[in-house]
C-alpha cells in the first residue's frame, strides 16, 4: 500500500506486483480488497490479521434472503443499515448505469466481496460483507421500499 500511495501506482501496475500475483485473486477482488481498501483504517482493523494467501475466491450466486441480516466488520457495524435508509439516493449518486442495472435486473452492477465467517473465526457461521456495504444496504432498502429485487445476487466469496 505504501508503494501505491507514494508512487501514484495505478491498478494495472499494482496488480502485477510479485507480492500479489502469488495470491491468484480475481482482479475485482484485488481492486476492492487491497487496492481500494488495503489502507482504510476500519477495514484494516477488521481484516488486517488475515493470512491472505489462504483465501480462495469464487463468484457465487447468493439468495436475497441471506443478505437480510448479513453483518459487516465490527469497525463499521451499522453502515449497511445507514445505506439501507436511503437506497434511491445511494444509487442516484453513482453513474447512471448503476441505477439502470438495479431497475432492469434488481441487483448490483458489480459483485460485492463476502467472506466466510469461519475464515475470520473458526466458530463463525455464515457470510459477512467484506466490501460492498453500500450495495448490500441498497438491496435491503429496496426490499423495504418494495422496489424490484432479484431473488439471487452474484458475489465474490472468500474462504480459507
Protein backbone atom coordinates (compact mmCIF):
# COMPACT_ATOMS: atom_id res chain seq x y z
CA UNK A 1 0.00 0.00 0.00
CA UNK A 2 2.87 2.36 0.74
CA UNK A 3 4.20 1.95 -2.81
CA UNK A 4 0.71 2.66 -4.21
CA UNK A 5 0.32 5.81 -2.10
CA UNK A 6 3.81 7.19 -2.66
CA UNK A 7 4.12 6.50 -6.36
CA UNK A 8 0.59 7.05 -7.57
CA UNK A 9 0.65 3.40 -8.63
CA UNK A 10 -2.31 2.65 -10.88
CA UNK A 11 -4.24 -0.57 -10.56
CA UNK A 12 -2.69 -2.15 -13.68
CA UNK A 13 0.80 -1.86 -12.17
CA UNK A 14 -0.44 -2.65 -8.66
CA UNK A 15 -1.93 -5.99 -9.77
CA UNK A 16 1.39 -7.15 -11.28
CA UNK A 17 3.34 -6.67 -8.04
CA UNK A 18 5.05 -10.00 -7.27
CA UNK A 19 3.73 -9.83 -3.71
CA UNK A 20 0.19 -10.04 -5.14
CA UNK A 21 0.46 -12.27 -8.19
CA UNK A 22 1.03 -15.31 -5.98
CA UNK A 23 -2.41 -14.81 -4.44
CA UNK A 24 -4.12 -15.70 -7.74
CA UNK A 25 -7.07 -13.50 -6.81
CA UNK A 26 -9.51 -12.19 -9.44
CA UNK A 27 -8.92 -8.56 -10.45
CA UNK A 28 -12.27 -7.50 -8.93
CA UNK A 29 -11.16 -8.83 -5.55
CA UNK A 30 -7.65 -7.36 -5.74
CA UNK A 31 -9.10 -3.96 -6.66
CA UNK A 32 -11.81 -3.85 -3.99
CA UNK A 33 -10.00 -5.62 -1.16
CA UNK A 34 -6.40 -4.43 -1.44
CA UNK A 35 -6.09 -1.55 -3.92
CA UNK A 36 -9.08 0.47 -2.70
CA UNK A 37 -9.35 -0.60 0.96
CA UNK A 38 -5.95 -2.01 1.91
CA UNK A 39 -5.06 1.09 3.90
CA UNK A 40 -8.55 2.08 5.12
CA UNK A 41 -8.30 2.12 8.94
CA UNK A 42 -11.56 0.36 9.91
CA UNK A 43 -11.03 -2.18 7.13
CA UNK A 44 -7.50 -2.94 8.34
CA UNK A 45 -8.80 -3.19 11.93
CA UNK A 46 -11.30 -5.85 10.88
CA UNK A 47 -9.28 -7.81 8.33
CA UNK A 48 -5.60 -6.94 8.81
CA UNK A 49 -4.98 -10.17 10.71
CA UNK A 50 -5.98 -12.44 7.81
CA UNK A 51 -3.42 -14.58 6.04
CA UNK A 52 -4.33 -13.54 2.50
CA UNK A 53 -2.52 -16.48 0.94
CA UNK A 54 -5.04 -18.89 2.47
CA UNK A 55 -8.14 -17.27 0.93
CA UNK A 56 -9.66 -18.57 -2.31
CA UNK A 57 -12.32 -16.51 -4.09
CA UNK A 58 -15.24 -17.84 -6.12
CA UNK A 59 -18.05 -15.99 -7.85
CA UNK A 60 -21.27 -17.37 -6.38
CA UNK A 61 -24.99 -16.76 -6.58
CA UNK A 62 -26.33 -15.81 -3.15
CA UNK A 63 -30.08 -15.80 -2.32
CA UNK A 64 -31.56 -12.42 -1.37
CA UNK A 65 -32.72 -13.78 1.97
CA UNK A 66 -29.10 -14.37 3.00
CA UNK A 67 -28.44 -10.61 2.82
CA UNK A 68 -31.28 -9.64 5.19
CA UNK A 69 -29.13 -9.83 8.33
CA UNK A 70 -25.63 -10.37 6.93
CA UNK A 71 -23.18 -8.34 9.06
CA UNK A 72 -20.12 -6.37 8.09
CA UNK A 73 -16.92 -5.87 10.10
CA UNK A 74 -17.20 -4.66 13.69
CA UNK A 75 -15.45 -1.37 12.93
CA UNK A 76 -18.21 -0.35 10.54
CA UNK A 77 -21.20 -2.01 12.19
CA UNK A 78 -24.41 -0.19 11.30
CA UNK A 79 -23.08 1.11 7.99
CA UNK A 80 -25.20 -1.25 5.88
CA UNK A 81 -28.35 -0.07 7.64
CA UNK A 82 -27.25 3.54 7.14
CA UNK A 83 -27.20 2.97 3.37
CA UNK A 84 -30.48 1.00 3.54
CA UNK A 85 -32.31 4.06 4.88
CA UNK A 86 -31.99 5.89 1.53
CA UNK A 87 -31.43 3.30 -1.23
CA UNK A 88 -32.58 5.56 -4.07
CA UNK A 89 -30.13 8.28 -3.02
CA UNK A 90 -27.15 5.90 -2.91
CA UNK A 91 -27.97 4.68 -6.41
CA UNK A 92 -28.51 8.17 -7.87
CA UNK A 93 -25.06 9.37 -6.70
CA UNK A 94 -23.48 6.59 -8.78
CA UNK A 95 -23.04 6.53 -12.57
CA UNK A 96 -26.38 6.19 -14.42
CA UNK A 97 -25.70 2.60 -15.48
CA UNK A 98 -25.78 1.54 -11.80
CA UNK A 99 -29.37 2.72 -11.39
CA UNK A 100 -30.36 1.27 -14.73
CA UNK A 101 -28.95 -2.11 -13.73
CA UNK A 102 -30.91 -2.06 -10.46
CA UNK A 103 -34.09 -1.20 -12.36
CA UNK A 104 -33.57 -3.78 -15.10
CA UNK A 105 -32.05 -6.65 -13.10
CA UNK A 106 -32.90 -5.96 -9.45
CA UNK A 107 -29.27 -6.31 -8.40
CA UNK A 108 -25.92 -4.57 -8.38
CA UNK A 109 -23.72 -4.00 -11.40
CA UNK A 110 -20.52 -5.21 -9.69
CA UNK A 111 -20.49 -8.13 -7.23
CA UNK A 112 -19.55 -7.27 -3.63
CA UNK A 113 -16.98 -9.22 -1.61
CA UNK A 114 -18.24 -11.55 1.10
CA UNK A 115 -16.15 -13.67 3.41
CA UNK A 116 -16.99 -16.93 5.09
CA UNK A 117 -17.05 -16.06 8.78
CA UNK A 118 -15.10 -19.27 9.57
CA UNK A 119 -12.18 -17.58 7.80
CA UNK A 120 -12.34 -14.83 10.43
CA UNK A 121 -13.09 -17.08 13.38
CA UNK A 122 -13.20 -20.91 13.38
CA UNK A 123 -16.56 -20.79 15.20
CA UNK A 124 -18.07 -18.29 12.76
CA UNK A 125 -21.26 -19.07 10.87
CA UNK A 126 -22.47 -17.70 7.54
CA UNK A 127 -21.10 -14.92 5.37
CA UNK A 128 -20.01 -11.38 6.17
CA UNK A 129 -19.91 -8.33 3.88
CA UNK A 130 -16.25 -7.50 3.45
CA UNK A 131 -16.65 -4.83 0.76
CA UNK A 132 -19.86 -3.63 -0.85
CA UNK A 133 -21.70 -2.30 2.17
CA UNK A 134 -23.44 0.35 0.05
CA UNK A 135 -24.66 -2.27 -2.43
CA UNK A 136 -25.99 -4.54 0.31
CA UNK A 137 -27.60 -1.54 2.01
CA UNK A 138 -29.29 -0.57 -1.26
CA UNK A 139 -30.56 -4.15 -1.58
CA UNK A 140 -32.05 -4.07 1.92
CA UNK A 141 -33.56 -0.64 1.37
CA UNK A 142 -35.08 -1.64 -1.97
CA UNK A 143 -36.66 -4.65 -0.28
CA UNK A 144 -38.10 -2.43 2.45
CA UNK A 145 -39.44 0.05 -0.10
CA UNK A 146 -40.86 -2.80 -2.20
CA UNK A 147 -38.78 -1.94 -5.25
CA UNK A 148 -37.76 -4.68 -7.68
CA UNK A 149 -35.10 -7.00 -6.26
CA UNK A 150 -33.85 -10.21 -7.88
CA UNK A 151 -34.05 -13.46 -5.92
CA UNK A 152 -30.28 -14.10 -6.20
CA UNK A 153 -27.18 -11.91 -6.50
CA UNK A 154 -23.64 -12.53 -7.70
CA UNK A 155 -20.94 -12.07 -5.06
CA UNK A 156 -17.29 -12.93 -4.70
CA UNK A 157 -16.99 -15.24 -1.68
CA UNK A 158 -13.66 -15.75 0.10
CA UNK A 159 -12.98 -18.95 2.01
CA UNK A 160 -9.84 -20.40 3.59
